[in-house]
Amino acid sequence: MKLQNDLLIRTARGERVERPPVWLMRQAGRVLPQYRALRAKLSGFKELVETPQLAAEVTVQPIDEWEVDAAIIFSDILVIPEAMGLTYEMVEKRGPIFPQTIRSRADIEGLLTDDDAAAQLQYVYDALDATKKVLDGRVPLIGFAGAPWTILAYMVEGSGSKTFSRAKHFLYSEPELAHLLLDKITRATTGYLLNKIRHGADLIQLFDSWAGILSPAQYGEFAVPYLHRITAAIATATNTPVTLFAKNAWFALDQLAATDCNVIGLDWNTEPDFARSRVGDKVLQGNLDPCQLYADHEQIVRATGKMIEAFNGRHIVNLGHGLYPDMEVEKVRTFVNTVKNFRYTQK
């Protein structure tokens, strides 16, 4: 199906465009009253993720509300460890909890990987199919997964954490087992993402949410090689663009740029000039501080325009992280409309 709005894809491929595309991390979620109304009828977050028609409905809500330039499938990065055999629970106001965690070689060897793991996630592929039907070509659909290090962090830690000290302890004390686990996660994730592309994902984003808690040396050993493998596999099998978003990993931008990704996402602590000096001509994504959307409308307009101009092209507009639940729908609209009203001066 031909896309009616292919601005995101053209930008990701480095083509000259009339304006930057805009979408938002966590755009399908608690900011929207229609999302909250739907959630109130359900048993919990996982019911929504695992019910394809409902996931499709939520995915399309921000397209209807704000007319952003892309949809991102409503799902969770933790579907991968669950598909591998490590079940998680989503606890209100606490986040994800793993009743069992990875502690030994036997735990790792008992996990599914490759197509066996990817096959457990048919409900996600069904959600992609349903979403593509509802979107009817209006905008591209983004598929995503957690990067291997971030997934390992949850599988070993057992929950979210400020330090992930248990997961980091695992890297230092059991590096061989860490690589064994990362290999299995990488193989499962690669199969999963290739299936997402087969079911209509137009762009893939990898979220390395906990990249910034590792030292540069650890990130280079336990994260970057696995990002290389995933991006290379996608580039070899498809022409689907890939975005890497490694939060707070400013120190690894040159290493990320050396992968087969097309786009590098930036958090709000990374200056555009600094990033550009390290990634060459890769397309950049980001990076307005999400809290800027708490300001008044005039300040949002000014800050958004200033950010776009600082990137000077080859840029996908987004926040430096996701929307927060208490943000106002109209403030988000101001941000999106500011981008949509911007025009590059063609030289």
C-alpha atoms as a PDB file:
ATOM      1  CA  MET A   1       0.000   0.000   0.000  1.00  0.00           C
ATOM      2  CA  LYS A   2       1.414   3.387  -1.017  1.00  0.00           C
ATOM      3  CA  LEU A   3       1.867   5.802   1.880  1.00  0.00           C
ATOM      4  CA  GLN A   4      -0.042   9.060   1.642  1.00  0.00           C
ATOM      5  CA  ASN A   5       2.478  10.686   3.993  1.00  0.00           C
ATOM      6  CA  ASP A   6       5.964   9.216   3.588  1.00  0.00           C
ATOM      7  CA  LEU A   7       7.854  12.163   5.079  1.00  0.00           C
ATOM      8  CA  LEU A   8       9.357  10.090   7.896  1.00  0.00           C
ATOM      9  CA  ILE A   9      10.660   7.405   5.544  1.00  0.00           C
ATOM     10  CA  ARG A  10      12.110   9.889   3.055  1.00  0.00           C
ATOM     11  CA  THR A  11      13.850  11.732   5.880  1.00  0.00           C
ATOM     12  CA  ALA A  12      15.194   8.525   7.426  1.00  0.00           C
ATOM     13  CA  ARG A  13      16.704   7.624   4.055  1.00  0.00           C
ATOM     14  CA  GLY A  14      18.481  10.958   3.867  1.00  0.00           C
ATOM     15  CA  GLU A  15      16.352  12.497   1.123  1.00  0.00           C
ATOM     16  CA  ARG A  16      15.750  16.220   0.903  1.00  0.00           C
ATOM     17  CA  VAL A  17      12.360  17.109   2.379  1.00  0.00           C
ATOM     18  CA  GLU A  18      10.216  20.203   2.707  1.00  0.00           C
ATOM     19  CA  ARG A  19      10.020  20.056   6.503  1.00  0.00           C
ATOM     20  CA  PRO A  20      11.083  17.699   9.271  1.00  0.00           C
ATOM     21  CA  PRO A  21       8.646  14.931  10.214  1.00  0.00           C
ATOM     22  CA  VAL A  22       7.350  14.781  13.781  1.00  0.00           C
ATOM     23  CA  TRP A  23       6.205  11.991  16.072  1.00  0.00           C
ATOM     24  CA  LEU A  24       6.544  11.479  19.825  1.00  0.00           C
ATOM     25  CA  MET A  25       7.761   8.659  21.978  1.00  0.00           C
ATOM     26  CA  ARG A  26       4.870   7.445  24.166  1.00  0.00           C
ATOM     27  CA  GLN A  27       2.429   9.324  21.925  1.00  0.00           C
ATOM     28  CA  ALA A  28      -0.019   6.428  22.277  1.00  0.00           C
ATOM     29  CA  GLY A  29      -0.740   6.499  25.971  1.00  0.00           C
ATOM     30  CA  ARG A  30      -1.838   8.220  29.107  1.00  0.00           C
ATOM     31  CA  VAL A  31      -1.758  11.800  27.814  1.00  0.00           C
ATOM     32  CA  LEU A  32      -4.843  11.044  25.744  1.00  0.00           C
ATOM     33  CA  PRO A  33      -8.220  10.902  27.522  1.00  0.00           C
ATOM     34  CA  GLN A  34      -9.497   8.391  24.964  1.00  0.00           C
ATOM     35  CA  TYR A  35      -6.640   6.064  25.946  1.00  0.00           C
ATOM     36  CA  ARG A  36      -7.407   6.444  29.653  1.00  0.00           C
ATOM     37  CA  ALA A  37     -11.089   5.713  28.994  1.00  0.00           C
ATOM     38  CA  LEU A  38     -10.207   2.499  27.196  1.00  0.00           C
ATOM     39  CA  ARG A  39      -7.717   1.403  29.858  1.00  0.00           C
ATOM     40  CA  ALA A  40     -10.336   1.900  32.574  1.00  0.00           C
ATOM     41  CA  LYS A  41     -12.416  -0.868  31.011  1.00  0.00           C
ATOM     42  CA  LEU A  42      -9.603  -3.424  31.005  1.00  0.00           C
ATOM     43  CA  SER A  43      -7.893  -5.638  33.548  1.00  0.00           C
ATOM     44  CA  GLY A  44      -4.528  -4.021  32.967  1.00  0.00           C
ATOM     45  CA  PHE A  45      -1.770  -2.934  30.606  1.00  0.00           C
ATOM     46  CA  LYS A  46      -0.932  -6.414  29.352  1.00  0.00           C
ATOM     47  CA  GLU A  47      -4.510  -7.080  28.227  1.00  0.00           C
ATOM     48  CA  LEU A  48      -4.223  -4.028  26.002  1.00  0.00           C
ATOM     49  CA  VAL A  49      -0.840  -5.087  24.602  1.00  0.00           C
ATOM     50  CA  GLU A  50      -1.999  -8.651  23.948  1.00  0.00           C
ATOM     51  CA  THR A  51      -5.346  -7.803  22.281  1.00  0.00           C
ATOM     52  CA  PRO A  52      -4.572  -6.901  18.650  1.00  0.00           C
ATOM     53  CA  GLN A  53      -7.679  -4.853  17.876  1.00  0.00           C
ATOM     54  CA  LEU A  54      -7.276  -2.793  21.054  1.00  0.00           C
ATOM     55  CA  ALA A  55      -3.554  -2.267  20.450  1.00  0.00           C
ATOM     56  CA  ALA A  56      -4.399  -1.077  16.937  1.00  0.00           C
ATOM     57  CA  GLU A  57      -7.036   1.326  18.265  1.00  0.00           C
ATOM     58  CA  VAL A  58      -4.586   2.874  20.711  1.00  0.00           C
ATOM     59  CA  THR A  59      -1.823   3.068  18.083  1.00  0.00           C
ATOM     60  CA  VAL A  60      -4.008   5.154  15.797  1.00  0.00           C
ATOM     61  CA  GLN A  61      -5.364   7.513  18.494  1.00  0.00           C
ATOM     62  CA  PRO A  62      -2.501  10.056  18.262  1.00  0.00           C
ATOM     63  CA  ILE A  63      -2.780  10.079  14.465  1.00  0.00           C
ATOM     64  CA  ASP A  64      -6.419  11.081  14.786  1.00  0.00           C
ATOM     65  CA  GLU A  65      -5.724  13.549  17.615  1.00  0.00           C
ATOM     66  CA  TRP A  66      -2.561  15.359  16.513  1.00  0.00           C
ATOM     67  CA  GLU A  67      -1.957  14.210  12.908  1.00  0.00           C
ATOM     68  CA  VAL A  68       1.652  13.307  13.643  1.00  0.00           C
ATOM     69  CA  ASP A  69       3.731  11.901  10.797  1.00  0.00           C
ATOM     70  CA  ALA A  70       4.032   8.332  12.081  1.00  0.00           C
ATOM     71  CA  ALA A  71       2.292   5.748  14.226  1.00  0.00           C
ATOM     72  CA  ILE A  72       4.241   3.492  16.579  1.00  0.00           C
ATOM     73  CA  ILE A  73       2.725   0.139  17.397  1.00  0.00           C
ATOM     74  CA  PHE A  74       1.378  -0.064  20.935  1.00  0.00           C
ATOM     75  CA  SER A  75       3.402  -2.748  22.659  1.00  0.00           C
ATOM     76  CA  ASP A  76       6.208  -3.109  25.206  1.00  0.00           C
ATOM     77  CA  ILE A  77       9.905  -3.925  25.020  1.00  0.00           C
ATOM     78  CA  LEU A  78       9.422  -6.687  27.598  1.00  0.00           C
ATOM     79  CA  VAL A  79       7.462  -8.925  25.273  1.00  0.00           C
ATOM     80  CA  ILE A  80      10.850 -10.329  24.188  1.00  0.00           C
ATOM     81  CA  PRO A  81      11.932 -11.763  27.553  1.00  0.00           C
ATOM     82  CA  GLU A  82       8.417 -13.115  27.997  1.00  0.00           C
ATOM     83  CA  ALA A  83       8.595 -14.805  24.598  1.00  0.00           C
ATOM     84  CA  MET A  84      11.938 -16.272  25.633  1.00  0.00           C
ATOM     85  CA  GLY A  85      10.317 -17.753  28.741  1.00  0.00           C
ATOM     86  CA  LEU A  86      10.716 -15.090  31.422  1.00  0.00           C
ATOM     87  CA  THR A  87       7.264 -13.787  32.337  1.00  0.00           C
ATOM     88  CA  TYR A  88       6.765 -10.243  33.619  1.00  0.00           C
ATOM     89  CA  GLU A  89       3.950  -8.469  35.427  1.00  0.00           C
ATOM     90  CA  MET A  90       3.081  -4.800  34.961  1.00  0.00           C
ATOM     91  CA  VAL A  91       2.287  -3.395  38.397  1.00  0.00           C
ATOM     92  CA  GLU A  92       0.453  -0.074  38.588  1.00  0.00           C
ATOM     93  CA  LYS A  93       2.714   2.752  39.851  1.00  0.00           C
ATOM     94  CA  ARG A  94       5.663   0.339  40.143  1.00  0.00           C
ATOM     95  CA  GLY A  95       6.294  -0.756  36.586  1.00  0.00           C
ATOM     96  CA  PRO A  96       7.480  -4.151  35.363  1.00  0.00           C
ATOM     97  CA  ILE A  97       8.269  -6.950  37.806  1.00  0.00           C
ATOM     98  CA  PHE A  98       9.821 -10.308  36.915  1.00  0.00           C
ATOM     99  CA  PRO A  99       8.830 -13.012  39.438  1.00  0.00           C
ATOM    100  CA  GLN A 100      11.853 -15.008  38.284  1.00  0.00           C
ATOM    101  CA  THR A 101      15.176 -13.596  37.089  1.00  0.00           C
ATOM    102  CA  ILE A 102      18.302 -14.847  35.377  1.00  0.00           C
ATOM    103  CA  ARG A 103      20.886 -16.128  37.850  1.00  0.00           C
ATOM    104  CA  SER A 104      22.777 -19.006  36.250  1.00  0.00           C
ATOM    105  CA  ARG A 105      23.893 -20.691  33.051  1.00  0.00           C
ATOM    106  CA  ALA A 106      21.020 -23.139  33.395  1.00  0.00           C
ATOM    107  CA  ASP A 107      18.547 -20.227  33.481  1.00  0.00           C
ATOM    108  CA  ILE A 108      19.994 -18.885  30.236  1.00  0.00           C
ATOM    109  CA  GLU A 109      20.176 -22.240  28.502  1.00  0.00           C
ATOM    110  CA  GLY A 110      16.501 -22.823  29.285  1.00  0.00           C
ATOM    111  CA  LEU A 111      15.410 -19.726  27.342  1.00  0.00           C
ATOM    112  CA  LEU A 112      13.918 -19.849  23.854  1.00  0.00           C
ATOM    113  CA  THR A 113      15.602 -17.872  21.085  1.00  0.00           C
ATOM    114  CA  ASP A 114      15.629 -17.395  17.308  1.00  0.00           C
ATOM    115  CA  ASP A 115      12.332 -18.231  15.544  1.00  0.00           C
ATOM    116  CA  ASP A 116      11.109 -20.260  18.523  1.00  0.00           C
ATOM    117  CA  ALA A 117      10.965 -17.081  20.613  1.00  0.00           C
ATOM    118  CA  ALA A 118       9.757 -14.846  17.791  1.00  0.00           C
ATOM    119  CA  ALA A 119       6.882 -17.248  17.098  1.00  0.00           C
ATOM    120  CA  GLN A 120       5.473 -16.617  20.593  1.00  0.00           C
ATOM    121  CA  LEU A 121       4.567 -13.047  19.621  1.00  0.00           C
ATOM    122  CA  GLN A 122       1.829 -13.611  17.067  1.00  0.00           C
ATOM    123  CA  TYR A 123      -0.419 -11.167  18.937  1.00  0.00           C
ATOM    124  CA  VAL A 124       2.044  -8.374  18.099  1.00  0.00           C
ATOM    125  CA  TYR A 125       2.078  -9.309  14.416  1.00  0.00           C
ATOM    126  CA  ASP A 126      -1.724  -9.442  14.451  1.00  0.00           C
ATOM    127  CA  ALA A 127      -1.747  -5.949  15.995  1.00  0.00           C
ATOM    128  CA  LEU A 128       0.505  -4.711  13.176  1.00  0.00           C
ATOM    129  CA  ASP A 129      -1.845  -6.230  10.578  1.00  0.00           C
ATOM    130  CA  ALA A 130      -4.864  -4.644  12.237  1.00  0.00           C
ATOM    131  CA  THR A 131      -3.158  -1.271  12.554  1.00  0.00           C
ATOM    132  CA  LYS A 132      -2.077  -1.200   8.918  1.00  0.00           C
ATOM    133  CA  LYS A 133      -5.673  -1.849   7.926  1.00  0.00           C
ATOM    134  CA  VAL A 134      -6.986   0.998  10.103  1.00  0.00           C
ATOM    135  CA  LEU A 135      -4.258   3.417   9.027  1.00  0.00           C
ATOM    136  CA  ASP A 136      -5.010   2.679   5.362  1.00  0.00           C
ATOM    137  CA  GLY A 137      -1.722   4.257   4.267  1.00  0.00           C
ATOM    138  CA  ARG A 138      -2.153   7.545   6.123  1.00  0.00           C
ATOM    139  CA  VAL A 139       1.292   7.459   7.758  1.00  0.00           C
ATOM    140  CA  PRO A 140       4.141   4.964   8.273  1.00  0.00           C
ATOM    141  CA  LEU A 141       3.994   2.468  11.117  1.00  0.00           C
ATOM    142  CA  ILE A 142       7.016   2.125  13.420  1.00  0.00           C
ATOM    143  CA  GLY A 143       7.875  -1.222  14.958  1.00  0.00           C
ATOM    144  CA  PHE A 144      10.244  -1.368  17.903  1.00  0.00           C
ATOM    145  CA  ALA A 145      12.120  -3.521  20.353  1.00  0.00           C
ATOM    146  CA  GLY A 146      14.372  -3.058  23.330  1.00  0.00           C
ATOM    147  CA  ALA A 147      18.100  -3.203  22.668  1.00  0.00           C
ATOM    148  CA  PRO A 148      19.798  -6.331  24.033  1.00  0.00           C
ATOM    149  CA  TRP A 149      21.587  -4.632  26.936  1.00  0.00           C
ATOM    150  CA  THR A 150      18.373  -2.998  28.176  1.00  0.00           C
ATOM    151  CA  ILE A 151      16.511  -6.305  27.951  1.00  0.00           C
ATOM    152  CA  LEU A 152      19.292  -8.086  29.859  1.00  0.00           C
ATOM    153  CA  ALA A 153      19.117  -5.377  32.522  1.00  0.00           C
ATOM    154  CA  TYR A 154      15.461  -6.186  33.238  1.00  0.00           C
ATOM    155  CA  MET A 155      15.930  -9.956  33.018  1.00  0.00           C
ATOM    156  CA  VAL A 156      18.717  -9.917  35.605  1.00  0.00           C
ATOM    157  CA  GLU A 157      17.548  -7.031  37.826  1.00  0.00           C
ATOM    158  CA  GLY A 158      13.933  -8.175  37.925  1.00  0.00           C
ATOM    159  CA  SER A 159      12.446  -4.674  37.811  1.00  0.00           C
ATOM    160  CA  GLY A 160      13.254  -1.097  37.004  1.00  0.00           C
ATOM    161  CA  SER A 161      16.071   0.467  38.995  1.00  0.00           C
ATOM    162  CA  LYS A 162      17.977   3.722  39.391  1.00  0.00           C
ATOM    163  CA  THR A 163      21.321   1.929  39.217  1.00  0.00           C
ATOM    164  CA  PHE A 164      20.689  -1.576  37.837  1.00  0.00           C
ATOM    165  CA  SER A 165      23.494  -2.613  40.153  1.00  0.00           C
ATOM    166  CA  ARG A 166      22.485  -6.287  40.057  1.00  0.00           C
ATOM    167  CA  ALA A 167      22.593  -6.303  36.262  1.00  0.00           C
ATOM    168  CA  LYS A 168      25.929  -4.477  36.209  1.00  0.00           C
ATOM    169  CA  HIS A 169      27.291  -6.884  38.843  1.00  0.00           C
ATOM    170  CA  PHE A 170      26.379  -9.665  36.411  1.00  0.00           C
ATOM    171  CA  LEU A 171      28.432  -8.022  33.642  1.00  0.00           C
ATOM    172  CA  TYR A 172      31.498  -7.678  35.872  1.00  0.00           C
ATOM    173  CA  SER A 173      31.285 -11.035  37.654  1.00  0.00           C
ATOM    174  CA  GLU A 174      29.917 -13.272  34.873  1.00  0.00           C
ATOM    175  CA  PRO A 175      30.955 -11.721  31.540  1.00  0.00           C
ATOM    176  CA  GLU A 176      30.819 -15.051  29.688  1.00  0.00           C
ATOM    177  CA  LEU A 177      27.252 -15.664  30.838  1.00  0.00           C
ATOM    178  CA  ALA A 178      26.340 -12.065  30.040  1.00  0.00           C
ATOM    179  CA  HIS A 179      27.475 -12.543  26.457  1.00  0.00           C
ATOM    180  CA  LEU A 180      25.615 -15.852  26.263  1.00  0.00           C
ATOM    181  CA  LEU A 181      22.409 -14.129  27.368  1.00  0.00           C
ATOM    182  CA  LEU A 182      22.973 -11.139  25.072  1.00  0.00           C
ATOM    183  CA  ASP A 183      23.487 -13.512  22.145  1.00  0.00           C
ATOM    184  CA  LYS A 184      20.161 -15.236  22.825  1.00  0.00           C
ATOM    185  CA  ILE A 185      18.340 -11.905  23.228  1.00  0.00           C
ATOM    186  CA  THR A 186      19.880 -10.626  19.999  1.00  0.00           C
ATOM    187  CA  ARG A 187      18.816 -13.687  18.026  1.00  0.00           C
ATOM    188  CA  ALA A 188      15.270 -13.552  19.392  1.00  0.00           C
ATOM    189  CA  THR A 189      15.017  -9.803  18.784  1.00  0.00           C
ATOM    190  CA  THR A 190      16.286 -10.070  15.225  1.00  0.00           C
ATOM    191  CA  GLY A 191      13.679 -12.691  14.351  1.00  0.00           C
ATOM    192  CA  TYR A 192      10.987 -10.623  16.028  1.00  0.00           C
ATOM    193  CA  LEU A 193      11.869  -7.429  14.160  1.00  0.00           C
ATOM    194  CA  LEU A 194      12.087  -9.170  10.795  1.00  0.00           C
ATOM    195  CA  ASN A 195       8.608 -10.571  11.451  1.00  0.00           C
ATOM    196  CA  LYS A 196       7.384  -7.074  12.283  1.00  0.00           C
ATOM    197  CA  ILE A 197       8.690  -5.850   8.949  1.00  0.00           C
ATOM    198  CA  ARG A 198       6.910  -8.722   7.182  1.00  0.00           C
ATOM    199  CA  HIS A 199       3.706  -7.582   8.889  1.00  0.00           C
ATOM    200  CA  GLY A 200       3.999  -3.992   7.739  1.00  0.00           C
ATOM    201  CA  ALA A 201       6.441  -2.076   9.951  1.00  0.00           C
ATOM    202  CA  ASP A 202       7.855   0.724   7.784  1.00  0.00           C
ATOM    203  CA  LEU A 203      10.650   1.706  10.165  1.00  0.00           C
ATOM    204  CA  ILE A 204      12.254  -0.030  13.152  1.00  0.00           C
ATOM    205  CA  GLN A 205      13.407   1.666  16.348  1.00  0.00           C
ATOM    206  CA  LEU A 206      15.618   0.040  18.961  1.00  0.00           C
ATOM    207  CA  PHE A 207      15.325   1.499  22.458  1.00  0.00           C
ATOM    208  CA  ASP A 208      18.440   1.234  24.624  1.00  0.00           C
ATOM    209  CA  SER A 209      16.779   2.926  27.565  1.00  0.00           C
ATOM    210  CA  TRP A 210      19.515   2.092  30.084  1.00  0.00           C
ATOM    211  CA  ALA A 211      22.540   2.721  27.871  1.00  0.00           C
ATOM    212  CA  GLY A 212      23.675   5.664  29.964  1.00  0.00           C
ATOM    213  CA  ILE A 213      24.242   3.694  33.166  1.00  0.00           C
ATOM    214  CA  LEU A 214      27.126   1.772  31.600  1.00  0.00           C
ATOM    215  CA  SER A 215      30.673   3.061  31.303  1.00  0.00           C
ATOM    216  CA  PRO A 216      31.946   3.682  27.768  1.00  0.00           C
ATOM    217  CA  ALA A 217      34.066   0.533  28.013  1.00  0.00           C
ATOM    218  CA  GLN A 218      31.149  -1.615  29.161  1.00  0.00           C
ATOM    219  CA  TYR A 219      28.843  -0.172  26.534  1.00  0.00           C
ATOM    220  CA  GLY A 220      31.412  -0.917  23.871  1.00  0.00           C
ATOM    221  CA  GLU A 221      31.677  -4.530  25.045  1.00  0.00           C
ATOM    222  CA  PHE A 222      28.160  -5.470  26.099  1.00  0.00           C
ATOM    223  CA  ALA A 223      25.921  -3.305  23.894  1.00  0.00           C
ATOM    224  CA  VAL A 224      27.429  -2.068  20.647  1.00  0.00           C
ATOM    225  CA  PRO A 225      28.334  -5.453  19.094  1.00  0.00           C
ATOM    226  CA  TYR A 226      24.757  -6.649  19.457  1.00  0.00           C
ATOM    227  CA  LEU A 227      23.362  -3.468  17.916  1.00  0.00           C
ATOM    228  CA  HIS A 228      25.712  -4.096  15.006  1.00  0.00           C
ATOM    229  CA  ARG A 229      24.299  -7.582  14.574  1.00  0.00           C
ATOM    230  CA  ILE A 230      20.648  -6.518  14.609  1.00  0.00           C
ATOM    231  CA  THR A 231      21.065  -3.553  12.262  1.00  0.00           C
ATOM    232  CA  ALA A 232      23.194  -5.612   9.869  1.00  0.00           C
ATOM    233  CA  ALA A 233      20.612  -8.396   9.768  1.00  0.00           C
ATOM    234  CA  ILE A 234      17.807  -5.943   8.963  1.00  0.00           C
ATOM    235  CA  ALA A 235      19.903  -4.139   6.331  1.00  0.00           C
ATOM    236  CA  THR A 236      20.815  -7.451   4.687  1.00  0.00           C
ATOM    237  CA  ALA A 237      17.261  -8.786   4.572  1.00  0.00           C
ATOM    238  CA  THR A 238      15.258  -5.604   3.913  1.00  0.00           C
ATOM    239  CA  ASN A 239      15.496  -1.926   2.962  1.00  0.00           C
ATOM    240  CA  THR A 240      13.631  -0.874   6.107  1.00  0.00           C
ATOM    241  CA  PRO A 241      15.214   2.100   7.916  1.00  0.00           C
ATOM    242  CA  VAL A 242      16.387   1.599  11.493  1.00  0.00           C
ATOM    243  CA  THR A 243      16.667   4.118  14.327  1.00  0.00           C
ATOM    244  CA  LEU A 244      18.877   3.577  17.369  1.00  0.00           C
ATOM    245  CA  PHE A 245      17.900   5.490  20.499  1.00  0.00           C
ATOM    246  CA  ALA A 246      20.467   4.977  23.261  1.00  0.00           C
ATOM    247  CA  LYS A 247      19.460   7.254  26.108  1.00  0.00           C
ATOM    248  CA  ASN A 248      22.331   9.187  27.732  1.00  0.00           C
ATOM    249  CA  ALA A 249      24.912   7.399  25.572  1.00  0.00           C
ATOM    250  CA  TRP A 250      26.437  10.575  24.134  1.00  0.00           C
ATOM    251  CA  PHE A 251      29.845   8.936  24.585  1.00  0.00           C
ATOM    252  CA  ALA A 252      28.989   6.207  22.067  1.00  0.00           C
ATOM    253  CA  LEU A 253      27.562   8.280  19.213  1.00  0.00           C
ATOM    254  CA  ASP A 254      30.446   7.467  16.889  1.00  0.00           C
ATOM    255  CA  GLN A 255      30.039   3.753  17.635  1.00  0.00           C
ATOM    256  CA  LEU A 256      26.297   3.916  16.980  1.00  0.00           C
ATOM    257  CA  ALA A 257      26.945   5.736  13.701  1.00  0.00           C
ATOM    258  CA  ALA A 258      29.224   2.878  12.613  1.00  0.00           C
ATOM    259  CA  THR A 259      26.299   0.426  12.676  1.00  0.00           C
ATOM    260  CA  ASP A 260      23.888  -0.128   9.794  1.00  0.00           C
ATOM    261  CA  CYS A 261      21.301   2.204  11.327  1.00  0.00           C
ATOM    262  CA  ASN A 262      19.826   5.104   9.357  1.00  0.00           C
ATOM    263  CA  VAL A 263      18.821   7.356  12.252  1.00  0.00           C
ATOM    264  CA  ILE A 264      20.266   8.067  15.686  1.00  0.00           C
ATOM    265  CA  GLY A 265      17.901   9.310  18.386  1.00  0.00           C
ATOM    266  CA  LEU A 266      19.117  11.856  20.926  1.00  0.00           C
ATOM    267  CA  ASP A 267      18.031  12.601  24.473  1.00  0.00           C
ATOM    268  CA  TRP A 268      17.710  16.214  25.609  1.00  0.00           C
ATOM    269  CA  ASN A 269      21.200  16.322  27.143  1.00  0.00           C
ATOM    270  CA  THR A 270      22.979  16.068  23.787  1.00  0.00           C
ATOM    271  CA  GLU A 271      23.606  19.211  21.758  1.00  0.00           C
ATOM    272  CA  PRO A 272      22.872  18.949  18.022  1.00  0.00           C
ATOM    273  CA  ASP A 273      26.308  20.278  17.019  1.00  0.00           C
ATOM    274  CA  PHE A 274      28.061  17.793  19.293  1.00  0.00           C
ATOM    275  CA  ALA A 275      26.020  14.913  17.870  1.00  0.00           C
ATOM    276  CA  ARG A 276      26.534  15.992  14.275  1.00  0.00           C
ATOM    277  CA  SER A 277      30.305  16.151  14.768  1.00  0.00           C
ATOM    278  CA  ARG A 278      30.295  12.476  15.778  1.00  0.00           C
ATOM    279  CA  VAL A 279      27.748  10.855  13.490  1.00  0.00           C
ATOM    280  CA  GLY A 280      28.589  12.436  10.145  1.00  0.00           C
ATOM    281  CA  ASP A 281      25.652  12.539   7.769  1.00  0.00           C
ATOM    282  CA  LYS A 282      23.407  10.113   9.671  1.00  0.00           C
ATOM    283  CA  VAL A 283      19.903  11.449  10.248  1.00  0.00           C
ATOM    284  CA  LEU A 284      19.304  12.593  13.835  1.00  0.00           C
ATOM    285  CA  GLN A 285      16.093  12.367  15.863  1.00  0.00           C
ATOM    286  CA  GLY A 286      15.018  14.348  18.912  1.00  0.00           C
ATOM    287  CA  ASN A 287      15.666  16.056  21.179  1.00  0.00           C
ATOM    288  CA  LEU A 288      13.474  18.617  22.976  1.00  0.00           C
ATOM    289  CA  ASP A 289      13.319  18.213  26.749  1.00  0.00           C
ATOM    290  CA  PRO A 290       9.877  16.651  27.360  1.00  0.00           C
ATOM    291  CA  CYS A 291       9.339  19.055  30.256  1.00  0.00           C
ATOM    292  CA  GLN A 292       9.430  21.943  27.781  1.00  0.00           C
ATOM    293  CA  LEU A 293       5.805  20.995  27.094  1.00  0.00           C
ATOM    294  CA  TYR A 294       4.888  22.209  30.600  1.00  0.00           C
ATOM    295  CA  ALA A 295       5.701  25.760  29.456  1.00  0.00           C
ATOM    296  CA  ASP A 296       3.140  28.083  27.887  1.00  0.00           C
ATOM    297  CA  HIS A 297       2.269  27.785  24.227  1.00  0.00           C
ATOM    298  CA  GLU A 298       4.446  30.704  23.117  1.00  0.00           C
ATOM    299  CA  GLN A 299       7.525  29.237  24.789  1.00  0.00           C
ATOM    300  CA  ILE A 300       6.850  25.840  23.214  1.00  0.00           C
ATOM    301  CA  VAL A 301       6.700  27.442  19.770  1.00  0.00           C
ATOM    302  CA  ARG A 302       9.982  29.293  20.316  1.00  0.00           C
ATOM    303  CA  ALA A 303      11.827  26.304  21.775  1.00  0.00           C
ATOM    304  CA  THR A 304      10.629  23.973  19.037  1.00  0.00           C
ATOM    305  CA  GLY A 305      11.634  26.357  16.271  1.00  0.00           C
ATOM    306  CA  LYS A 306      15.038  26.912  17.857  1.00  0.00           C
ATOM    307  CA  MET A 307      15.610  23.155  18.065  1.00  0.00           C
ATOM    308  CA  ILE A 308      14.697  22.571  14.405  1.00  0.00           C
ATOM    309  CA  GLU A 309      17.039  25.322  13.265  1.00  0.00           C
ATOM    310  CA  ALA A 310      19.870  23.955  15.417  1.00  0.00           C
ATOM    311  CA  PHE A 311      19.742  20.632  13.576  1.00  0.00           C
ATOM    312  CA  ASN A 312      19.723  22.349  10.165  1.00  0.00           C
ATOM    313  CA  GLY A 313      18.146  19.444   8.285  1.00  0.00           C
ATOM    314  CA  ARG A 314      18.513  15.632   8.269  1.00  0.00           C
ATOM    315  CA  HIS A 315      16.326  15.646  11.337  1.00  0.00           C
ATOM    316  CA  ILE A 316      13.232  13.863  12.655  1.00  0.00           C
ATOM    317  CA  VAL A 317      11.575  15.961  15.337  1.00  0.00           C
ATOM    318  CA  ASN A 318      10.790  14.213  18.602  1.00  0.00           C
ATOM    319  CA  LEU A 319      11.258  14.729  22.298  1.00  0.00           C
ATOM    320  CA  GLY A 320      14.400  13.594  24.098  1.00  0.00           C
ATOM    321  CA  HIS A 321      12.272  10.917  25.756  1.00  0.00           C
ATOM    322  CA  GLY A 322       8.582  10.065  26.057  1.00  0.00           C
ATOM    323  CA  LEU A 323       5.527  12.139  26.909  1.00  0.00           C
ATOM    324  CA  TYR A 324       4.642  12.283  30.607  1.00  0.00           C
ATOM    325  CA  PRO A 325       1.103  11.331  31.714  1.00  0.00           C
ATOM    326  CA  ASP A 326       0.210  14.779  33.103  1.00  0.00           C
ATOM    327  CA  MET A 327       1.010  16.717  29.940  1.00  0.00           C
ATOM    328  CA  GLU A 328      -1.777  18.659  28.262  1.00  0.00           C
ATOM    329  CA  VAL A 329      -3.178  17.499  24.942  1.00  0.00           C
ATOM    330  CA  GLU A 330      -3.202  21.077  23.623  1.00  0.00           C
ATOM    331  CA  LYS A 331       0.449  21.681  24.559  1.00  0.00           C
ATOM    332  CA  VAL A 332       1.382  18.592  22.559  1.00  0.00           C
ATOM    333  CA  ARG A 333      -0.722  19.916  19.683  1.00  0.00           C
ATOM    334  CA  THR A 334       1.199  23.186  19.769  1.00  0.00           C
ATOM    335  CA  PHE A 335       4.494  21.303  19.555  1.00  0.00           C
ATOM    336  CA  VAL A 336       3.310  19.167  16.626  1.00  0.00           C
ATOM    337  CA  ASN A 337       1.745  22.069  14.720  1.00  0.00           C
ATOM    338  CA  THR A 338       4.884  24.172  15.114  1.00  0.00           C
ATOM    339  CA  VAL A 339       6.835  21.464  13.321  1.00  0.00           C
ATOM    340  CA  LYS A 340       4.189  20.992  10.646  1.00  0.00           C
ATOM    341  CA  ASN A 341       4.168  24.731   9.906  1.00  0.00           C
ATOM    342  CA  PHE A 342       7.964  24.896   9.549  1.00  0.00           C
ATOM    343  CA  ARG A 343       9.523  24.942   6.080  1.00  0.00           C
ATOM    344  CA  TYR A 344      13.146  24.444   5.158  1.00  0.00           C
ATOM    345  CA  THR A 345      14.747  27.064   2.958  1.00  0.00           C
ATOM    346  CA  GLN A 346      15.816  25.055  -0.067  1.00  0.00           C
ATOM    347  CA  LYS A 347      19.259  25.947  -1.371  1.00  0.00           C
END
